[in-house]
């Protein structure tokens, strides 16, 4: 998992990464070193510390209900849902979509 995240974020101008306290983030120290950024852990039972993540998890549940096996979901289906979420306008982003905000900021910094 660490290698996938590192590859997808290695060319981004990151300020921080905020994760929950799951064992899947036990490699956070390596991630900090490799991406040269700070990784913060949310306190246990404090979902408001990662509100955007919790909101996105809720949106994902519209496509993939809790308890649903994801073993047979195709890459094309994952990409379709990825696009649906990343190109969906958000009130929090002044009705821009996450992709629009992310890439405009990234392109502006280059």
N, C-alpha and C. Protein backbone atom coordinates (compact mmCIF):
# COMPACT_ATOMS: atom_id res chain seq x y z
N UNK A 1 0.82 -1.19 0.00
CA UNK A 1 0.00 0.00 0.00
C UNK A 1 0.87 1.26 0.00
N UNK A 2 1.91 1.27 0.77
CA UNK A 2 2.78 2.43 0.86
C UNK A 2 3.34 2.80 -0.51
N UNK A 3 3.76 1.82 -1.28
CA UNK A 3 4.34 2.09 -2.60
C UNK A 3 3.32 2.72 -3.53
N UNK A 4 2.08 2.28 -3.48
CA UNK A 4 1.03 2.84 -4.33
C UNK A 4 0.78 4.30 -3.96
N UNK A 5 0.68 4.57 -2.67
CA UNK A 5 0.45 5.94 -2.22
C UNK A 5 1.64 6.82 -2.57
N UNK A 6 2.84 6.33 -2.33
CA UNK A 6 4.03 7.12 -2.66
C UNK A 6 4.09 7.44 -4.15
N UNK A 7 3.79 6.47 -4.98
CA UNK A 7 3.83 6.70 -6.42
C UNK A 7 2.78 7.73 -6.85
N UNK A 8 1.59 7.64 -6.29
CA UNK A 8 0.53 8.56 -6.70
C UNK A 8 0.73 9.97 -6.16
N UNK A 9 1.49 10.13 -5.09
CA UNK A 9 1.69 11.45 -4.50
C UNK A 9 3.09 12.03 -4.71
N UNK A 10 4.00 11.27 -5.28
CA UNK A 10 5.40 11.70 -5.35
C UNK A 10 5.62 12.98 -6.15
N UNK A 11 4.78 13.28 -7.10
CA UNK A 11 4.98 14.49 -7.91
C UNK A 11 4.10 15.66 -7.45
N UNK A 12 3.48 15.54 -6.28
CA UNK A 12 2.57 16.56 -5.77
C UNK A 12 3.29 17.43 -4.73
N UNK A 13 2.88 18.67 -4.65
CA UNK A 13 3.41 19.59 -3.64
C UNK A 13 2.57 19.44 -2.39
N UNK A 14 2.97 18.56 -1.50
CA UNK A 14 2.20 18.25 -0.30
C UNK A 14 2.64 19.10 0.87
N UNK A 15 1.69 19.51 1.66
CA UNK A 15 2.01 20.20 2.90
C UNK A 15 1.96 19.21 4.07
N UNK A 16 0.88 18.43 4.12
CA UNK A 16 0.72 17.42 5.16
C UNK A 16 -0.17 16.30 4.63
N UNK A 17 -0.18 15.20 5.35
CA UNK A 17 -1.10 14.09 5.11
C UNK A 17 -1.72 13.76 6.46
N UNK A 18 -3.03 13.63 6.51
CA UNK A 18 -3.71 13.27 7.75
C UNK A 18 -4.37 11.92 7.57
N UNK A 19 -4.08 11.01 8.48
CA UNK A 19 -4.60 9.64 8.39
C UNK A 19 -5.24 9.26 9.72
N UNK A 20 -6.02 8.17 9.69
CA UNK A 20 -6.55 7.69 10.96
C UNK A 20 -5.53 6.75 11.59
N UNK A 21 -5.91 6.12 12.67
CA UNK A 21 -4.95 5.34 13.43
C UNK A 21 -4.95 3.86 13.09
N UNK A 22 -5.44 3.51 11.91
CA UNK A 22 -5.48 2.11 11.50
C UNK A 22 -4.09 1.53 11.28
N UNK A 23 -4.00 0.22 11.43
CA UNK A 23 -2.70 -0.44 11.27
C UNK A 23 -2.16 -0.32 9.84
N UNK A 24 -3.07 0.00 8.89
CA UNK A 24 -2.61 0.16 7.52
C UNK A 24 -1.70 1.37 7.33
N UNK A 25 -1.60 2.22 8.36
CA UNK A 25 -0.72 3.38 8.28
C UNK A 25 0.51 3.22 9.17
N UNK A 26 0.87 2.00 9.48
CA UNK A 26 2.04 1.75 10.32
C UNK A 26 3.33 2.18 9.62
N UNK A 27 3.29 2.39 8.32
CA UNK A 27 4.46 2.80 7.55
C UNK A 27 4.51 4.31 7.36
N UNK A 28 3.78 5.08 8.18
CA UNK A 28 3.69 6.53 8.02
C UNK A 28 5.05 7.21 8.12
N UNK A 29 5.92 6.71 8.97
CA UNK A 29 7.26 7.31 9.11
C UNK A 29 8.03 7.22 7.79
N UNK A 30 7.93 6.11 7.11
CA UNK A 30 8.58 5.94 5.80
C UNK A 30 7.94 6.90 4.78
N UNK A 31 6.64 7.02 4.84
CA UNK A 31 5.92 7.93 3.93
C UNK A 31 6.39 9.37 4.14
N UNK A 32 6.55 9.78 5.39
CA UNK A 32 7.05 11.13 5.68
C UNK A 32 8.42 11.35 5.06
N UNK A 33 9.28 10.39 5.24
CA UNK A 33 10.64 10.51 4.73
C UNK A 33 10.66 10.53 3.20
N UNK A 34 9.96 9.61 2.58
CA UNK A 34 9.99 9.49 1.13
C UNK A 34 9.32 10.66 0.42
N UNK A 35 8.25 11.19 1.01
CA UNK A 35 7.52 12.30 0.37
C UNK A 35 7.93 13.67 0.93
N UNK A 36 8.80 13.64 1.93
CA UNK A 36 9.26 14.88 2.56
C UNK A 36 8.09 15.76 3.00
N UNK A 37 7.20 15.16 3.75
CA UNK A 37 6.06 15.88 4.30
C UNK A 37 5.76 15.33 5.69
N UNK A 38 4.90 15.98 6.40
CA UNK A 38 4.53 15.54 7.75
C UNK A 38 3.22 14.76 7.69
N UNK A 39 3.19 13.61 8.36
CA UNK A 39 1.97 12.81 8.47
C UNK A 39 1.41 13.00 9.87
N UNK A 40 0.15 13.38 9.94
CA UNK A 40 -0.53 13.55 11.22
C UNK A 40 -1.54 12.43 11.41
N UNK A 41 -1.65 11.96 12.64
CA UNK A 41 -2.63 10.95 13.00
C UNK A 41 -3.77 11.61 13.77
N UNK A 42 -4.98 11.28 13.40
CA UNK A 42 -6.14 11.76 14.14
C UNK A 42 -6.21 11.03 15.48
N UNK A 43 -6.78 11.69 16.46
CA UNK A 43 -6.99 11.04 17.74
C UNK A 43 -8.06 9.96 17.60
N UNK A 44 -7.98 8.92 18.42
CA UNK A 44 -9.01 7.87 18.36
C UNK A 44 -10.40 8.45 18.62
N UNK A 45 -11.37 8.00 17.86
CA UNK A 45 -12.76 8.41 18.02
C UNK A 45 -12.98 9.91 17.83
N UNK A 46 -12.19 10.52 16.94
CA UNK A 46 -12.31 11.95 16.61
C UNK A 46 -12.48 12.10 15.09
N UNK A 47 -13.56 11.61 14.51
CA UNK A 47 -13.72 11.66 13.06
C UNK A 47 -13.76 13.07 12.50
N UNK A 48 -14.11 14.07 13.30
CA UNK A 48 -14.16 15.44 12.82
C UNK A 48 -12.77 15.98 12.49
N UNK A 49 -11.72 15.31 12.94
CA UNK A 49 -10.36 15.73 12.62
C UNK A 49 -9.98 15.40 11.18
N UNK A 50 -10.77 14.60 10.55
CA UNK A 50 -10.55 14.27 9.13
C UNK A 50 -11.90 14.30 8.41
N UNK A 51 -12.56 15.45 8.51
CA UNK A 51 -13.91 15.61 8.00
C UNK A 51 -14.06 15.33 6.52
N UNK A 52 -13.13 15.79 5.71
CA UNK A 52 -13.22 15.54 4.26
C UNK A 52 -13.15 14.05 3.97
N UNK A 53 -12.30 13.35 4.70
CA UNK A 53 -12.19 11.90 4.53
C UNK A 53 -13.48 11.20 4.92
N UNK A 54 -14.07 11.60 6.03
CA UNK A 54 -15.32 10.98 6.49
C UNK A 54 -16.45 11.26 5.49
N UNK A 55 -16.49 12.47 4.96
CA UNK A 55 -17.51 12.81 3.97
C UNK A 55 -17.34 11.96 2.71
N UNK A 56 -16.10 11.82 2.25
CA UNK A 56 -15.84 11.02 1.06
C UNK A 56 -16.19 9.55 1.30
N UNK A 57 -15.90 9.05 2.49
CA UNK A 57 -16.28 7.67 2.81
C UNK A 57 -17.79 7.49 2.69
N UNK A 58 -18.54 8.49 3.15
CA UNK A 58 -19.99 8.43 3.03
C UNK A 58 -20.44 8.43 1.58
N UNK A 59 -19.79 9.24 0.76
CA UNK A 59 -20.12 9.26 -0.67
C UNK A 59 -19.78 7.93 -1.34
N UNK A 60 -18.67 7.33 -0.94
CA UNK A 60 -18.29 6.02 -1.49
C UNK A 60 -19.31 4.96 -1.14
N UNK A 61 -19.93 5.08 0.04
CA UNK A 61 -20.94 4.10 0.45
C UNK A 61 -22.16 4.14 -0.47
N UNK A 62 -22.38 5.26 -1.16
CA UNK A 62 -23.47 5.31 -2.16
C UNK A 62 -23.21 4.30 -3.27
N UNK A 63 -21.94 4.12 -3.62
CA UNK A 63 -21.55 3.20 -4.69
C UNK A 63 -21.26 1.80 -4.18
N UNK A 64 -20.62 1.73 -3.02
CA UNK A 64 -20.17 0.46 -2.47
C UNK A 64 -20.67 0.34 -1.02
N UNK A 65 -21.87 -0.19 -0.81
CA UNK A 65 -22.44 -0.27 0.54
C UNK A 65 -21.54 -1.06 1.50
N UNK A 66 -21.58 -0.69 2.75
CA UNK A 66 -20.79 -1.38 3.77
C UNK A 66 -21.13 -2.87 3.75
N UNK A 67 -20.11 -3.70 3.80
CA UNK A 67 -20.29 -5.13 3.78
C UNK A 67 -20.23 -5.73 2.38
N UNK A 68 -20.28 -4.89 1.36
CA UNK A 68 -20.22 -5.36 -0.03
C UNK A 68 -18.80 -5.82 -0.35
N UNK A 69 -18.68 -6.97 -0.96
CA UNK A 69 -17.37 -7.45 -1.37
C UNK A 69 -16.88 -6.65 -2.57
N UNK A 70 -15.66 -6.20 -2.51
CA UNK A 70 -15.10 -5.44 -3.63
C UNK A 70 -14.17 -6.29 -4.49
N UNK A 71 -14.13 -7.58 -4.21
CA UNK A 71 -13.24 -8.49 -4.92
C UNK A 71 -13.50 -8.54 -6.42
N UNK A 72 -14.75 -8.39 -6.82
CA UNK A 72 -15.10 -8.56 -8.23
C UNK A 72 -15.39 -7.24 -8.94
N UNK A 73 -15.01 -6.13 -8.34
CA UNK A 73 -15.23 -4.83 -8.98
C UNK A 73 -14.08 -4.57 -9.95
N UNK A 74 -14.43 -4.25 -11.17
CA UNK A 74 -13.41 -4.04 -12.21
C UNK A 74 -12.71 -2.70 -12.04
N UNK A 75 -11.53 -2.60 -12.63
CA UNK A 75 -10.80 -1.33 -12.62
C UNK A 75 -11.62 -0.25 -13.32
N UNK A 76 -12.34 -0.61 -14.37
CA UNK A 76 -13.18 0.36 -15.09
C UNK A 76 -14.27 0.91 -14.18
N UNK A 77 -14.86 0.05 -13.35
CA UNK A 77 -15.90 0.49 -12.41
C UNK A 77 -15.31 1.41 -11.35
N UNK A 78 -14.13 1.06 -10.85
CA UNK A 78 -13.46 1.91 -9.87
C UNK A 78 -13.17 3.28 -10.49
N UNK A 79 -12.67 3.31 -11.72
CA UNK A 79 -12.36 4.56 -12.39
C UNK A 79 -13.63 5.40 -12.60
N UNK A 80 -14.71 4.75 -12.94
CA UNK A 80 -15.99 5.45 -13.13
C UNK A 80 -16.42 6.14 -11.84
N UNK A 81 -16.32 5.43 -10.72
CA UNK A 81 -16.71 6.00 -9.42
C UNK A 81 -15.73 7.09 -8.99
N UNK A 82 -14.46 6.88 -9.26
CA UNK A 82 -13.43 7.88 -8.98
C UNK A 82 -13.77 9.19 -9.69
N UNK A 83 -14.09 9.09 -10.97
CA UNK A 83 -14.45 10.28 -11.75
C UNK A 83 -15.72 10.92 -11.22
N UNK A 84 -16.70 10.11 -10.86
CA UNK A 84 -17.96 10.64 -10.35
C UNK A 84 -17.72 11.49 -9.09
N UNK A 85 -16.84 11.04 -8.22
CA UNK A 85 -16.56 11.79 -6.99
C UNK A 85 -15.66 12.99 -7.23
N UNK A 86 -14.65 12.84 -8.04
CA UNK A 86 -13.68 13.91 -8.23
C UNK A 86 -14.15 15.01 -9.17
N UNK A 87 -15.20 14.75 -9.92
CA UNK A 87 -15.74 15.77 -10.81
C UNK A 87 -17.13 16.21 -10.36
N UNK A 88 -17.44 16.00 -9.09
CA UNK A 88 -18.71 16.40 -8.50
C UNK A 88 -18.51 17.71 -7.72
N UNK A 89 -19.22 18.78 -8.09
CA UNK A 89 -19.06 20.05 -7.38
C UNK A 89 -19.39 19.91 -5.90
N UNK A 90 -18.66 20.64 -5.07
CA UNK A 90 -18.86 20.60 -3.62
C UNK A 90 -19.09 22.00 -3.07
N UNK A 91 -20.05 22.10 -2.22
CA UNK A 91 -20.34 23.38 -1.57
C UNK A 91 -19.09 23.92 -0.87
N UNK A 92 -18.40 23.03 -0.16
CA UNK A 92 -17.19 23.42 0.59
C UNK A 92 -16.12 24.02 -0.31
N UNK A 93 -16.13 23.68 -1.58
CA UNK A 93 -15.14 24.18 -2.53
C UNK A 93 -15.71 25.31 -3.40
N UNK A 94 -16.72 25.98 -2.87
CA UNK A 94 -17.37 27.07 -3.61
C UNK A 94 -17.92 26.58 -4.94
N UNK A 95 -18.50 25.41 -4.90
CA UNK A 95 -19.15 24.74 -6.03
C UNK A 95 -18.19 24.38 -7.16
N UNK A 96 -16.92 24.26 -6.84
CA UNK A 96 -15.96 23.69 -7.78
C UNK A 96 -15.82 22.22 -7.43
N UNK A 97 -15.33 21.44 -8.37
CA UNK A 97 -15.13 20.02 -8.09
C UNK A 97 -13.71 19.81 -7.56
N UNK A 98 -13.47 18.75 -6.78
CA UNK A 98 -12.15 18.50 -6.23
C UNK A 98 -11.03 18.46 -7.29
N UNK A 99 -11.31 17.84 -8.42
CA UNK A 99 -10.28 17.77 -9.47
C UNK A 99 -9.92 19.16 -9.96
N UNK A 100 -10.90 19.99 -10.12
CA UNK A 100 -10.66 21.36 -10.59
C UNK A 100 -9.79 22.14 -9.60
N UNK A 101 -10.11 22.02 -8.33
CA UNK A 101 -9.35 22.72 -7.30
C UNK A 101 -7.94 22.15 -7.19
N UNK A 102 -7.83 20.84 -7.16
CA UNK A 102 -6.53 20.19 -7.00
C UNK A 102 -5.60 20.53 -8.15
N UNK A 103 -6.07 20.38 -9.36
CA UNK A 103 -5.20 20.60 -10.50
C UNK A 103 -4.92 22.08 -10.75
N UNK A 104 -5.83 22.96 -10.40
CA UNK A 104 -5.54 24.38 -10.58
C UNK A 104 -4.48 24.82 -9.59
N UNK A 105 -4.53 24.30 -8.36
CA UNK A 105 -3.51 24.63 -7.36
C UNK A 105 -2.18 24.02 -7.77
N UNK A 106 -2.20 22.76 -8.16
CA UNK A 106 -0.97 22.09 -8.55
C UNK A 106 -0.33 22.76 -9.75
N UNK A 107 -1.12 23.06 -10.77
CA UNK A 107 -0.58 23.70 -11.96
C UNK A 107 -0.08 25.09 -11.66
N UNK A 108 -0.75 25.78 -10.75
CA UNK A 108 -0.33 27.13 -10.37
C UNK A 108 1.06 27.10 -9.69
N UNK A 109 1.33 26.05 -8.94
CA UNK A 109 2.59 25.96 -8.21
C UNK A 109 3.76 25.58 -9.11
N UNK A 110 3.48 25.02 -10.24
CA UNK A 110 4.56 24.57 -11.13
C UNK A 110 5.16 25.73 -11.88
